[in-house]
N, C-alpha and C. Protein backbone atom coordinates (compact mmCIF):
# COMPACT_ATOMS: atom_id res chain seq x y z
N MET A 1 -37.93 86.69 -27.42
CA MET A 1 -39.25 86.17 -27.04
C MET A 1 -39.13 84.71 -26.68
N VAL A 2 -39.86 84.28 -25.63
CA VAL A 2 -39.87 82.89 -25.25
C VAL A 2 -40.63 82.10 -26.29
N LYS A 3 -40.03 81.02 -26.80
CA LYS A 3 -40.67 80.22 -27.83
C LYS A 3 -41.77 79.35 -27.23
N PRO A 4 -42.84 79.11 -28.01
CA PRO A 4 -43.90 78.22 -27.54
C PRO A 4 -43.34 76.84 -27.24
N SER A 5 -43.93 76.18 -26.27
CA SER A 5 -43.51 74.85 -25.89
C SER A 5 -44.74 74.03 -25.60
N PRO A 6 -44.59 72.75 -25.29
CA PRO A 6 -45.74 71.94 -24.94
C PRO A 6 -46.56 72.51 -23.79
N LEU A 7 -45.95 73.38 -22.96
CA LEU A 7 -46.69 73.95 -21.84
C LEU A 7 -47.81 74.86 -22.33
N SER A 8 -47.69 75.35 -23.58
CA SER A 8 -48.72 76.26 -24.10
C SER A 8 -49.86 75.51 -24.76
N GLN A 9 -49.76 74.19 -24.82
CA GLN A 9 -50.78 73.40 -25.47
C GLN A 9 -51.75 72.84 -24.44
N PRO A 10 -53.05 72.79 -24.77
CA PRO A 10 -54.03 72.24 -23.83
C PRO A 10 -53.72 70.79 -23.52
N ALA A 11 -53.99 70.39 -22.29
CA ALA A 11 -53.82 69.00 -21.88
C ALA A 11 -55.02 68.60 -21.06
N SER A 12 -55.35 67.34 -21.06
CA SER A 12 -56.51 66.88 -20.31
C SER A 12 -56.30 67.10 -18.83
N PRO A 13 -57.31 67.63 -18.10
CA PRO A 13 -57.17 67.88 -16.67
C PRO A 13 -56.77 66.60 -15.94
N GLY A 14 -55.81 66.72 -15.03
CA GLY A 14 -55.42 65.60 -14.20
C GLY A 14 -54.40 64.67 -14.83
N ARG A 15 -54.09 64.86 -16.12
CA ARG A 15 -53.14 63.98 -16.79
C ARG A 15 -51.79 64.64 -16.91
N ALA A 16 -50.74 63.82 -16.80
CA ALA A 16 -49.38 64.33 -17.00
C ALA A 16 -49.15 64.59 -18.48
N TYR A 17 -48.42 65.65 -18.78
CA TYR A 17 -48.13 65.99 -20.17
C TYR A 17 -46.68 66.44 -20.19
N GLY A 18 -45.86 65.78 -21.04
CA GLY A 18 -44.45 66.12 -21.08
C GLY A 18 -43.76 65.87 -19.75
N GLY A 19 -44.28 64.91 -18.98
CA GLY A 19 -43.67 64.60 -17.69
C GLY A 19 -44.12 65.48 -16.55
N LEU A 20 -45.00 66.44 -16.81
CA LEU A 20 -45.46 67.37 -15.78
C LEU A 20 -46.94 67.17 -15.52
N GLY A 21 -47.33 67.20 -14.22
CA GLY A 21 -48.73 67.16 -13.85
C GLY A 21 -49.37 68.52 -14.00
N PRO A 22 -50.68 68.61 -13.82
CA PRO A 22 -51.40 69.88 -14.01
C PRO A 22 -50.87 71.02 -13.16
N ALA A 23 -50.59 70.77 -11.88
CA ALA A 23 -50.11 71.85 -11.00
C ALA A 23 -48.74 72.34 -11.46
N ASP A 24 -47.87 71.42 -11.86
CA ASP A 24 -46.54 71.81 -12.32
C ASP A 24 -46.61 72.58 -13.63
N ARG A 25 -47.50 72.17 -14.52
CA ARG A 25 -47.66 72.90 -15.77
C ARG A 25 -48.15 74.32 -15.52
N SER A 26 -49.11 74.45 -14.61
CA SER A 26 -49.63 75.77 -14.28
C SER A 26 -48.54 76.65 -13.67
N ALA A 27 -47.74 76.08 -12.76
CA ALA A 27 -46.66 76.84 -12.13
C ALA A 27 -45.62 77.27 -13.16
N ALA A 28 -45.33 76.38 -14.11
CA ALA A 28 -44.35 76.71 -15.15
C ALA A 28 -44.87 77.83 -16.05
N ARG A 29 -46.16 77.78 -16.37
CA ARG A 29 -46.73 78.86 -17.20
C ARG A 29 -46.70 80.19 -16.44
N ARG A 30 -47.01 80.14 -15.15
CA ARG A 30 -46.97 81.37 -14.35
C ARG A 30 -45.55 81.95 -14.34
N GLU A 31 -44.57 81.08 -14.20
CA GLU A 31 -43.17 81.53 -14.20
C GLU A 31 -42.83 82.24 -15.51
N ARG A 32 -43.27 81.70 -16.61
CA ARG A 32 -43.00 82.31 -17.91
C ARG A 32 -43.70 83.66 -18.03
N LEU A 33 -44.90 83.77 -17.50
CA LEU A 33 -45.61 85.04 -17.54
C LEU A 33 -44.91 86.10 -16.69
N VAL A 34 -44.41 85.70 -15.53
CA VAL A 34 -43.69 86.65 -14.66
C VAL A 34 -42.43 87.15 -15.36
N GLU A 35 -41.67 86.24 -15.96
CA GLU A 35 -40.45 86.66 -16.66
C GLU A 35 -40.78 87.55 -17.86
N ALA A 36 -41.87 87.22 -18.55
CA ALA A 36 -42.30 88.07 -19.65
C ALA A 36 -42.73 89.44 -19.15
N GLY A 37 -43.41 89.46 -18.00
CA GLY A 37 -43.83 90.73 -17.41
C GLY A 37 -42.65 91.60 -17.04
N ILE A 38 -41.61 90.99 -16.46
CA ILE A 38 -40.41 91.76 -16.11
C ILE A 38 -39.80 92.38 -17.36
N ALA A 39 -39.76 91.60 -18.44
CA ALA A 39 -39.18 92.11 -19.69
C ALA A 39 -40.00 93.28 -20.25
N LEU A 40 -41.32 93.14 -20.27
CA LEU A 40 -42.15 94.17 -20.90
C LEU A 40 -42.38 95.38 -20.00
N PHE A 41 -42.66 95.16 -18.72
CA PHE A 41 -42.81 96.30 -17.81
C PHE A 41 -41.50 97.06 -17.72
N GLY A 42 -40.39 96.32 -17.72
CA GLY A 42 -39.08 96.96 -17.62
C GLY A 42 -38.70 97.74 -18.86
N GLN A 43 -39.17 97.30 -20.03
CA GLN A 43 -38.85 98.00 -21.27
C GLN A 43 -39.84 99.11 -21.59
N HIS A 44 -41.13 98.82 -21.42
CA HIS A 44 -42.17 99.73 -21.93
C HIS A 44 -43.05 100.35 -20.86
N GLY A 45 -43.06 99.80 -19.66
CA GLY A 45 -43.90 100.32 -18.60
C GLY A 45 -45.26 99.66 -18.56
N LEU A 46 -45.96 99.84 -17.45
CA LEU A 46 -47.26 99.22 -17.25
C LEU A 46 -48.27 99.69 -18.29
N ARG A 47 -48.34 100.99 -18.53
CA ARG A 47 -49.39 101.54 -19.39
C ARG A 47 -49.25 101.14 -20.85
N ALA A 48 -48.04 100.81 -21.26
CA ALA A 48 -47.82 100.42 -22.66
C ALA A 48 -47.79 98.90 -22.84
N THR A 49 -48.07 98.17 -21.78
CA THR A 49 -48.04 96.72 -21.84
C THR A 49 -49.47 96.17 -21.87
N THR A 50 -49.69 95.15 -22.66
CA THR A 50 -51.01 94.53 -22.78
C THR A 50 -50.92 93.05 -22.40
N VAL A 51 -52.08 92.49 -22.05
CA VAL A 51 -52.14 91.06 -21.76
C VAL A 51 -51.69 90.27 -22.98
N ARG A 52 -52.15 90.66 -24.16
CA ARG A 52 -51.76 89.96 -25.38
C ARG A 52 -50.24 90.01 -25.58
N GLY A 53 -49.66 91.17 -25.32
CA GLY A 53 -48.22 91.30 -25.47
C GLY A 53 -47.46 90.41 -24.51
N VAL A 54 -47.91 90.33 -23.26
CA VAL A 54 -47.26 89.46 -22.28
C VAL A 54 -47.35 88.01 -22.71
N CYS A 55 -48.52 87.60 -23.19
CA CYS A 55 -48.70 86.21 -23.61
C CYS A 55 -47.83 85.89 -24.82
N THR A 56 -47.72 86.84 -25.74
CA THR A 56 -46.86 86.64 -26.90
C THR A 56 -45.41 86.48 -26.47
N GLU A 57 -44.97 87.34 -25.56
CA GLU A 57 -43.60 87.27 -25.04
C GLU A 57 -43.35 85.95 -24.34
N ALA A 58 -44.34 85.45 -23.62
CA ALA A 58 -44.20 84.20 -22.87
C ALA A 58 -44.40 82.96 -23.74
N GLY A 59 -44.91 83.15 -24.96
CA GLY A 59 -45.17 82.01 -25.82
C GLY A 59 -46.38 81.21 -25.39
N LEU A 60 -47.38 81.90 -24.84
CA LEU A 60 -48.60 81.26 -24.36
C LEU A 60 -49.83 81.90 -25.01
N THR A 61 -50.92 81.18 -25.04
CA THR A 61 -52.17 81.76 -25.52
C THR A 61 -52.80 82.58 -24.40
N ASP A 62 -53.67 83.51 -24.79
CA ASP A 62 -54.23 84.46 -23.82
C ASP A 62 -54.94 83.80 -22.65
N ARG A 63 -55.58 82.68 -22.90
CA ARG A 63 -56.39 82.10 -21.83
C ARG A 63 -55.56 81.68 -20.63
N TYR A 64 -54.27 81.43 -20.85
CA TYR A 64 -53.44 81.01 -19.74
C TYR A 64 -53.07 82.18 -18.82
N PHE A 65 -53.15 83.40 -19.33
CA PHE A 65 -52.86 84.54 -18.46
C PHE A 65 -53.79 84.55 -17.25
N TYR A 66 -55.08 84.39 -17.51
CA TYR A 66 -56.08 84.50 -16.45
C TYR A 66 -56.15 83.26 -15.57
N GLU A 67 -55.41 82.24 -15.92
CA GLU A 67 -55.24 81.10 -15.04
C GLU A 67 -54.44 81.51 -13.79
N SER A 68 -53.54 82.48 -13.95
CA SER A 68 -52.65 82.90 -12.87
C SER A 68 -52.91 84.30 -12.35
N PHE A 69 -53.42 85.20 -13.19
CA PHE A 69 -53.54 86.62 -12.81
C PHE A 69 -54.89 87.17 -13.27
N ASP A 70 -55.45 88.08 -12.46
CA ASP A 70 -56.73 88.67 -12.84
C ASP A 70 -56.57 89.97 -13.62
N GLY A 71 -55.34 90.38 -13.86
CA GLY A 71 -55.09 91.58 -14.63
C GLY A 71 -53.62 91.94 -14.60
N LEU A 72 -53.27 93.00 -15.30
CA LEU A 72 -51.87 93.40 -15.39
C LEU A 72 -51.31 93.90 -14.06
N GLU A 73 -52.14 94.51 -13.22
CA GLU A 73 -51.64 94.95 -11.91
C GLU A 73 -51.21 93.77 -11.07
N ALA A 74 -51.97 92.69 -11.13
CA ALA A 74 -51.59 91.49 -10.38
C ALA A 74 -50.27 90.92 -10.89
N LEU A 75 -50.08 90.96 -12.20
CA LEU A 75 -48.81 90.50 -12.77
C LEU A 75 -47.67 91.43 -12.34
N LEU A 76 -47.91 92.73 -12.37
CA LEU A 76 -46.88 93.68 -11.93
C LEU A 76 -46.49 93.42 -10.49
N ALA A 77 -47.48 93.14 -9.63
CA ALA A 77 -47.18 92.83 -8.23
C ALA A 77 -46.30 91.59 -8.13
N ALA A 78 -46.59 90.57 -8.93
CA ALA A 78 -45.79 89.36 -8.91
C ALA A 78 -44.37 89.63 -9.41
N CYS A 79 -44.24 90.47 -10.42
CA CYS A 79 -42.92 90.84 -10.93
C CYS A 79 -42.12 91.60 -9.87
N TYR A 80 -42.79 92.52 -9.20
CA TYR A 80 -42.13 93.28 -8.14
C TYR A 80 -41.65 92.36 -7.02
N GLU A 81 -42.50 91.44 -6.61
CA GLU A 81 -42.12 90.52 -5.53
C GLU A 81 -40.98 89.62 -5.97
N ARG A 82 -40.98 89.20 -7.24
CA ARG A 82 -39.88 88.38 -7.74
C ARG A 82 -38.56 89.14 -7.67
N LEU A 83 -38.57 90.39 -8.15
CA LEU A 83 -37.36 91.20 -8.11
C LEU A 83 -36.94 91.53 -6.69
N LEU A 84 -37.91 91.80 -5.83
CA LEU A 84 -37.62 92.09 -4.44
C LEU A 84 -36.94 90.89 -3.78
N GLY A 85 -37.42 89.70 -4.09
CA GLY A 85 -36.80 88.50 -3.54
C GLY A 85 -35.37 88.33 -4.00
N ARG A 86 -35.11 88.60 -5.26
CA ARG A 86 -33.74 88.51 -5.77
C ARG A 86 -32.84 89.53 -5.10
N LEU A 87 -33.36 90.74 -4.90
CA LEU A 87 -32.58 91.78 -4.24
C LEU A 87 -32.27 91.40 -2.80
N ARG A 88 -33.26 90.89 -2.09
CA ARG A 88 -33.02 90.48 -0.71
C ARG A 88 -31.92 89.42 -0.62
N GLN A 89 -31.96 88.48 -1.54
CA GLN A 89 -30.94 87.43 -1.55
C GLN A 89 -29.55 88.03 -1.78
N ALA A 90 -29.46 88.98 -2.70
CA ALA A 90 -28.18 89.62 -2.98
C ALA A 90 -27.68 90.39 -1.76
N LEU A 91 -28.58 91.08 -1.08
CA LEU A 91 -28.20 91.83 0.12
C LEU A 91 -27.79 90.90 1.25
N GLN A 92 -28.48 89.79 1.39
CA GLN A 92 -28.13 88.81 2.42
C GLN A 92 -26.76 88.21 2.17
N ARG A 93 -26.46 87.89 0.91
CA ARG A 93 -25.13 87.35 0.59
C ARG A 93 -24.04 88.38 0.90
N ALA A 94 -24.31 89.64 0.55
CA ALA A 94 -23.33 90.69 0.82
C ALA A 94 -23.11 90.86 2.32
N ALA A 95 -24.20 90.82 3.08
CA ALA A 95 -24.10 90.98 4.53
C ALA A 95 -23.33 89.82 5.15
N ALA A 96 -23.61 88.61 4.69
CA ALA A 96 -22.92 87.44 5.24
C ALA A 96 -21.43 87.48 4.95
N ALA A 97 -21.06 87.98 3.76
CA ALA A 97 -19.65 88.02 3.38
C ALA A 97 -18.87 89.04 4.19
N GLN A 98 -19.55 90.06 4.72
CA GLN A 98 -18.87 91.12 5.47
C GLN A 98 -19.29 91.16 6.94
N ALA A 99 -19.85 90.07 7.43
CA ALA A 99 -20.42 90.06 8.79
C ALA A 99 -19.40 90.41 9.87
N ASP A 100 -18.14 90.05 9.66
CA ASP A 100 -17.11 90.28 10.67
C ASP A 100 -16.31 91.55 10.42
N GLN A 101 -16.72 92.34 9.46
CA GLN A 101 -15.98 93.56 9.11
C GLN A 101 -16.57 94.78 9.81
N GLY A 102 -15.89 95.90 9.64
CA GLY A 102 -16.35 97.14 10.25
C GLY A 102 -17.57 97.70 9.53
N VAL A 103 -18.13 98.75 10.12
CA VAL A 103 -19.37 99.30 9.59
C VAL A 103 -19.21 99.83 8.17
N GLN A 104 -18.05 100.41 7.84
CA GLN A 104 -17.87 100.95 6.50
C GLN A 104 -17.87 99.83 5.46
N ALA A 105 -17.19 98.74 5.75
CA ALA A 105 -17.16 97.61 4.81
C ALA A 105 -18.54 97.00 4.66
N ARG A 106 -19.29 96.94 5.74
CA ARG A 106 -20.64 96.37 5.67
C ARG A 106 -21.56 97.23 4.82
N PHE A 107 -21.49 98.54 5.02
CA PHE A 107 -22.31 99.44 4.20
C PHE A 107 -21.87 99.36 2.74
N ALA A 108 -20.57 99.31 2.49
CA ALA A 108 -20.08 99.25 1.11
C ALA A 108 -20.58 97.98 0.41
N ALA A 109 -20.58 96.87 1.12
CA ALA A 109 -21.05 95.62 0.54
C ALA A 109 -22.54 95.69 0.23
N GLY A 110 -23.31 96.21 1.19
CA GLY A 110 -24.75 96.29 0.98
C GLY A 110 -25.13 97.25 -0.14
N TYR A 111 -24.52 98.42 -0.16
CA TYR A 111 -24.83 99.37 -1.21
C TYR A 111 -24.30 98.88 -2.56
N GLY A 112 -23.17 98.17 -2.53
CA GLY A 112 -22.66 97.60 -3.77
C GLY A 112 -23.65 96.62 -4.38
N ALA A 113 -24.24 95.76 -3.53
CA ALA A 113 -25.23 94.80 -4.00
C ALA A 113 -26.47 95.52 -4.54
N TRP A 114 -26.89 96.56 -3.87
CA TRP A 114 -28.06 97.34 -4.31
C TRP A 114 -27.82 97.94 -5.70
N PHE A 115 -26.67 98.59 -5.88
CA PHE A 115 -26.43 99.24 -7.16
C PHE A 115 -26.12 98.23 -8.27
N ASP A 116 -25.56 97.09 -7.93
CA ASP A 116 -25.41 96.04 -8.94
C ASP A 116 -26.79 95.59 -9.43
N PHE A 117 -27.73 95.52 -8.53
CA PHE A 117 -29.09 95.13 -8.90
C PHE A 117 -29.75 96.20 -9.76
N ILE A 118 -29.62 97.45 -9.36
CA ILE A 118 -30.23 98.56 -10.08
C ILE A 118 -29.55 98.80 -11.43
N ALA A 119 -28.35 98.27 -11.62
CA ALA A 119 -27.66 98.40 -12.91
C ALA A 119 -28.40 97.68 -14.03
N ASP A 120 -29.34 96.80 -13.69
CA ASP A 120 -30.21 96.18 -14.69
C ASP A 120 -31.36 97.15 -14.96
N PRO A 121 -31.44 97.73 -16.16
CA PRO A 121 -32.48 98.74 -16.43
C PRO A 121 -33.90 98.22 -16.24
N LEU A 122 -34.13 96.94 -16.52
CA LEU A 122 -35.47 96.38 -16.34
C LEU A 122 -35.86 96.40 -14.87
N ALA A 123 -34.95 95.93 -14.02
CA ALA A 123 -35.22 95.92 -12.59
C ALA A 123 -35.37 97.33 -12.06
N ALA A 124 -34.52 98.24 -12.53
CA ALA A 124 -34.57 99.62 -12.04
C ALA A 124 -35.92 100.27 -12.35
N ARG A 125 -36.40 100.09 -13.57
CA ARG A 125 -37.66 100.74 -13.94
C ARG A 125 -38.83 100.21 -13.12
N ILE A 126 -38.87 98.90 -12.94
CA ILE A 126 -39.97 98.31 -12.19
C ILE A 126 -39.89 98.69 -10.72
N MET A 127 -38.72 98.54 -10.12
CA MET A 127 -38.56 98.76 -8.68
C MET A 127 -38.68 100.23 -8.29
N LEU A 128 -38.22 101.12 -9.16
CA LEU A 128 -38.13 102.54 -8.79
C LEU A 128 -39.24 103.41 -9.37
N ALA A 129 -39.96 102.90 -10.38
CA ALA A 129 -40.95 103.77 -11.03
C ALA A 129 -42.29 103.10 -11.28
N GLU A 130 -42.31 101.96 -11.91
CA GLU A 130 -43.57 101.39 -12.39
C GLU A 130 -44.53 101.01 -11.28
N VAL A 131 -44.03 100.66 -10.11
CA VAL A 131 -44.92 100.23 -9.02
C VAL A 131 -45.52 101.42 -8.26
N LEU A 132 -45.06 102.62 -8.55
CA LEU A 132 -45.52 103.79 -7.79
C LEU A 132 -46.78 104.40 -8.40
N GLY A 133 -47.76 104.70 -7.54
CA GLY A 133 -48.96 105.39 -7.98
C GLY A 133 -49.93 104.55 -8.78
N VAL A 134 -49.76 103.25 -8.79
CA VAL A 134 -50.67 102.37 -9.54
C VAL A 134 -51.99 102.21 -8.80
N SER A 135 -51.90 101.94 -7.51
CA SER A 135 -53.08 101.74 -6.68
C SER A 135 -52.65 101.78 -5.23
N PRO A 136 -53.58 101.97 -4.28
CA PRO A 136 -53.21 101.92 -2.86
C PRO A 136 -52.59 100.58 -2.48
N ALA A 137 -53.08 99.50 -3.06
CA ALA A 137 -52.53 98.17 -2.73
C ALA A 137 -51.08 98.06 -3.18
N MET A 138 -50.78 98.58 -4.36
CA MET A 138 -49.41 98.52 -4.86
C MET A 138 -48.50 99.45 -4.07
N ASP A 139 -49.03 100.61 -3.69
CA ASP A 139 -48.25 101.53 -2.86
C ASP A 139 -47.91 100.87 -1.52
N ALA A 140 -48.85 100.15 -0.96
CA ALA A 140 -48.61 99.46 0.31
C ALA A 140 -47.55 98.38 0.15
N ARG A 141 -47.56 97.70 -0.99
CA ARG A 141 -46.55 96.67 -1.27
C ARG A 141 -45.16 97.30 -1.35
N TYR A 142 -45.08 98.43 -2.04
CA TYR A 142 -43.81 99.15 -2.15
C TYR A 142 -43.33 99.63 -0.79
N GLU A 143 -44.26 100.17 0.00
CA GLU A 143 -43.93 100.66 1.34
C GLU A 143 -43.39 99.53 2.21
N ALA A 144 -43.98 98.36 2.11
CA ALA A 144 -43.51 97.22 2.89
C ALA A 144 -42.10 96.82 2.47
N GLY A 145 -41.84 96.88 1.18
CA GLY A 145 -40.49 96.56 0.71
C GLY A 145 -39.46 97.53 1.22
N MET A 146 -39.76 98.82 1.17
CA MET A 146 -38.84 99.83 1.67
C MET A 146 -38.65 99.70 3.19
N GLY A 147 -39.75 99.35 3.87
CA GLY A 147 -39.65 99.14 5.32
C GLY A 147 -38.72 98.00 5.66
N GLY A 148 -38.74 96.95 4.83
CA GLY A 148 -37.84 95.83 5.06
C GLY A 148 -36.38 96.23 4.93
N PHE A 149 -36.08 97.09 3.96
CA PHE A 149 -34.71 97.55 3.81
C PHE A 149 -34.29 98.44 4.99
N ALA A 150 -35.23 99.25 5.46
CA ALA A 150 -34.92 100.09 6.63
C ALA A 150 -34.64 99.21 7.85
N ASP A 151 -35.38 98.13 7.99
CA ASP A 151 -35.16 97.22 9.12
C ASP A 151 -33.74 96.65 9.11
N ALA A 152 -33.19 96.44 7.91
CA ALA A 152 -31.84 95.89 7.80
C ALA A 152 -30.78 96.84 8.34
N LEU A 153 -31.13 98.13 8.43
CA LEU A 153 -30.19 99.13 8.96
C LEU A 153 -30.30 99.29 10.48
N ALA A 154 -31.25 98.58 11.07
CA ALA A 154 -31.50 98.77 12.50
C ALA A 154 -30.29 98.42 13.35
N ALA A 155 -29.59 97.33 13.03
CA ALA A 155 -28.49 96.88 13.87
C ALA A 155 -27.35 97.90 13.95
N PRO A 156 -26.78 98.36 12.81
CA PRO A 156 -25.69 99.34 12.94
C PRO A 156 -26.12 100.64 13.59
N LEU A 157 -27.36 101.05 13.38
CA LEU A 157 -27.83 102.28 14.01
C LEU A 157 -28.02 102.09 15.51
N ALA A 158 -28.56 100.93 15.91
CA ALA A 158 -28.73 100.65 17.34
C ALA A 158 -27.37 100.58 18.04
N GLU A 159 -26.39 99.98 17.36
CA GLU A 159 -25.03 99.92 17.93
C GLU A 159 -24.46 101.31 18.16
N ALA A 160 -24.89 102.25 17.31
CA ALA A 160 -24.41 103.63 17.44
C ALA A 160 -25.28 104.46 18.37
N GLY A 161 -26.28 103.85 18.98
CA GLY A 161 -27.09 104.55 19.97
C GLY A 161 -28.43 105.05 19.49
N ALA A 162 -28.83 104.70 18.26
CA ALA A 162 -30.12 105.16 17.75
C ALA A 162 -31.05 103.96 17.59
N GLY A 163 -31.85 103.73 18.62
CA GLY A 163 -32.82 102.65 18.56
C GLY A 163 -34.23 103.20 18.56
N GLY A 164 -35.21 102.30 18.59
CA GLY A 164 -36.60 102.70 18.69
C GLY A 164 -37.06 103.56 17.52
N VAL A 165 -37.93 104.51 17.85
CA VAL A 165 -38.51 105.37 16.82
C VAL A 165 -37.43 106.21 16.14
N ARG A 166 -36.50 106.70 16.92
CA ARG A 166 -35.44 107.52 16.34
C ARG A 166 -34.61 106.73 15.33
N GLY A 167 -34.27 105.52 15.70
CA GLY A 167 -33.51 104.68 14.78
C GLY A 167 -34.30 104.37 13.52
N ALA A 168 -35.60 104.13 13.67
CA ALA A 168 -36.45 103.84 12.52
C ALA A 168 -36.50 105.03 11.56
N LEU A 169 -36.59 106.23 12.10
CA LEU A 169 -36.64 107.43 11.27
C LEU A 169 -35.32 107.63 10.52
N ILE A 170 -34.21 107.42 11.22
CA ILE A 170 -32.91 107.59 10.57
C ILE A 170 -32.72 106.53 9.49
N ALA A 171 -33.17 105.31 9.77
CA ALA A 171 -33.06 104.24 8.78
C ALA A 171 -33.84 104.58 7.53
N ARG A 172 -35.05 105.11 7.70
CA ARG A 172 -35.85 105.51 6.55
C ARG A 172 -35.17 106.64 5.77
N ALA A 173 -34.52 107.55 6.48
CA ALA A 173 -33.80 108.63 5.81
C ALA A 173 -32.67 108.08 4.95
N LEU A 174 -31.96 107.07 5.46
CA LEU A 174 -30.87 106.47 4.70
C LEU A 174 -31.40 105.70 3.49
N VAL A 175 -32.51 104.99 3.66
CA VAL A 175 -33.11 104.29 2.54
C VAL A 175 -33.57 105.29 1.48
N GLY A 176 -34.19 106.38 1.92
CA GLY A 176 -34.63 107.39 0.97
C GLY A 176 -33.47 107.97 0.17
N ALA A 177 -32.34 108.17 0.83
CA ALA A 177 -31.16 108.71 0.14
C ALA A 177 -30.67 107.77 -0.94
N VAL A 178 -30.58 106.49 -0.61
CA VAL A 178 -30.04 105.53 -1.58
C VAL A 178 -31.02 105.31 -2.74
N VAL A 179 -32.31 105.39 -2.48
CA VAL A 179 -33.30 105.27 -3.56
C VAL A 179 -33.20 106.47 -4.51
N GLN A 180 -33.04 107.67 -3.97
CA GLN A 180 -32.92 108.85 -4.82
C GLN A 180 -31.66 108.81 -5.67
N VAL A 181 -30.56 108.36 -5.09
CA VAL A 181 -29.33 108.22 -5.88
C VAL A 181 -29.53 107.19 -6.99
N ALA A 182 -30.21 106.09 -6.66
CA ALA A 182 -30.46 105.06 -7.66
C ALA A 182 -31.32 105.59 -8.80
N LYS A 183 -32.34 106.38 -8.47
CA LYS A 183 -33.19 106.95 -9.52
C LYS A 183 -32.39 107.88 -10.42
N MET A 184 -31.55 108.70 -9.83
CA MET A 184 -30.74 109.62 -10.62
C MET A 184 -29.78 108.85 -11.52
N TRP A 185 -29.17 107.79 -10.96
CA TRP A 185 -28.19 106.99 -11.70
C TRP A 185 -28.85 106.32 -12.91
N ALA A 186 -30.01 105.70 -12.67
CA ALA A 186 -30.71 105.02 -13.76
C ALA A 186 -31.19 106.02 -14.81
N ALA A 187 -31.72 107.17 -14.37
CA ALA A 187 -32.23 108.17 -15.30
C ALA A 187 -31.13 108.76 -16.17
N SER A 188 -29.90 108.79 -15.65
CA SER A 188 -28.78 109.33 -16.41
C SER A 188 -28.21 108.34 -17.41
N GLY A 189 -28.77 107.13 -17.43
CA GLY A 189 -28.20 106.10 -18.28
C GLY A 189 -26.94 105.52 -17.69
N TYR A 190 -26.85 105.57 -16.36
CA TYR A 190 -25.70 105.03 -15.61
C TYR A 190 -24.41 105.76 -15.99
N ARG A 191 -24.54 107.06 -16.12
CA ARG A 191 -23.39 107.89 -16.51
C ARG A 191 -22.29 107.87 -15.44
N GLU A 192 -22.69 108.02 -14.17
CA GLU A 192 -21.70 108.02 -13.10
C GLU A 192 -21.18 106.61 -12.88
N SER A 193 -19.98 106.50 -12.37
CA SER A 193 -19.41 105.17 -12.14
C SER A 193 -20.08 104.50 -10.94
N ARG A 194 -20.08 103.18 -10.96
CA ARG A 194 -20.61 102.43 -9.82
C ARG A 194 -19.87 102.83 -8.55
N ALA A 195 -18.55 102.98 -8.64
CA ALA A 195 -17.76 103.33 -7.46
C ALA A 195 -18.23 104.66 -6.86
N ASP A 196 -18.55 105.63 -7.71
CA ASP A 196 -18.97 106.94 -7.20
C ASP A 196 -20.34 106.88 -6.52
N VAL A 197 -21.28 106.14 -7.13
CA VAL A 197 -22.61 106.10 -6.51
C VAL A 197 -22.58 105.31 -5.20
N VAL A 198 -21.79 104.24 -5.17
CA VAL A 198 -21.67 103.48 -3.92
C VAL A 198 -21.02 104.35 -2.85
N TYR A 199 -19.94 105.02 -3.22
CA TYR A 199 -19.22 105.84 -2.25
C TYR A 199 -20.10 106.93 -1.67
N SER A 200 -20.91 107.57 -2.50
CA SER A 200 -21.76 108.66 -2.02
C SER A 200 -22.70 108.17 -0.93
N CYS A 201 -23.24 106.99 -1.10
CA CYS A 201 -24.18 106.46 -0.11
C CYS A 201 -23.46 105.95 1.14
N VAL A 202 -22.28 105.33 0.93
CA VAL A 202 -21.49 104.89 2.08
C VAL A 202 -21.09 106.08 2.93
N LEU A 203 -20.70 107.16 2.28
CA LEU A 203 -20.28 108.36 3.01
C LEU A 203 -21.40 108.89 3.89
N VAL A 204 -22.62 108.93 3.36
CA VAL A 204 -23.76 109.40 4.15
C VAL A 204 -24.03 108.47 5.32
N ALA A 205 -24.03 107.16 5.07
CA ALA A 205 -24.35 106.20 6.12
C ALA A 205 -23.28 106.17 7.20
N VAL A 206 -22.03 106.13 6.80
CA VAL A 206 -20.94 106.08 7.79
C VAL A 206 -20.89 107.39 8.57
N GLY A 207 -21.10 108.51 7.87
CA GLY A 207 -21.13 109.80 8.57
C GLY A 207 -22.23 109.85 9.60
N THR A 208 -23.38 109.28 9.28
CA THR A 208 -24.49 109.23 10.22
C THR A 208 -24.13 108.41 11.45
N VAL A 209 -23.54 107.25 11.22
CA VAL A 209 -23.17 106.38 12.34
C VAL A 209 -22.11 107.06 13.22
N ARG A 210 -21.13 107.70 12.61
CA ARG A 210 -20.09 108.37 13.39
C ARG A 210 -20.67 109.53 14.21
N ALA A 211 -21.60 110.27 13.62
CA ALA A 211 -22.23 111.36 14.36
C ALA A 211 -23.01 110.84 15.55
N LEU A 212 -23.69 109.72 15.37
CA LEU A 212 -24.45 109.12 16.48
C LEU A 212 -23.51 108.62 17.56
N ARG A 213 -22.37 108.07 17.17
CA ARG A 213 -21.40 107.59 18.15
C ARG A 213 -20.83 108.74 18.97
N ARG A 214 -20.53 109.86 18.28
CA ARG A 214 -20.02 111.03 19.01
C ARG A 214 -21.06 111.54 20.00
N GLU A 215 -22.28 111.57 19.56
CA GLU A 215 -23.37 112.01 20.43
C GLU A 215 -23.53 111.08 21.63
N GLN A 216 -23.40 109.78 21.36
CA GLN A 216 -23.51 108.79 22.43
C GLN A 216 -22.38 108.94 23.43
N ALA A 217 -21.16 109.18 22.93
CA ALA A 217 -20.00 109.33 23.80
C ALA A 217 -20.08 110.59 24.65
N ALA A 218 -20.69 111.62 24.08
CA ALA A 218 -20.81 112.89 24.81
C ALA A 218 -21.87 112.81 25.90
N GLY A 219 -22.69 111.77 25.83
CA GLY A 219 -23.73 111.61 26.84
C GLY A 219 -24.93 112.45 26.59
């Protein structure tokens, strides 16, 4: 549990406290609430998490929760966006490291980064389960995130001759495959090796690209 700090104590509006101004104090409290939300949503789920529990985990009094969020769904959305941002950064680093390599190495790097991220049970539960079916707004947020991952597959698919709507559909199919493997892996308690889960997805993606290339060559 995050220990209480001066940030949890009231301070006069507009005055610096502990070297921080009001806006910085508010941002720091929000950060602690998001990290507490990731811990509790990831361990217990949305339905078993309470505002009081989040505040206790963050080391803050209840009144500070509503300074940043109007409810637990809003906090869950912030937690999802935080994790999504971390995942994007990991995928970008993997892509940059393999930018000059062949398609198989690029897919292996990207899927490796994905499964390294999902190997954290807290992140896996939030990203793959807790955000689903909460509300239309949360579903739309999830859909946008998955769409962003599909967009990242556009380049190798276009190179293989699948652009436009067709490429978008194939990209979504590949994203769906890797999400299902991730769900199975997490649900099993990570029984299968990382190498096996990465390989299974690389095999599907590379096989898809090779099939498109053969089709393109045949005219």
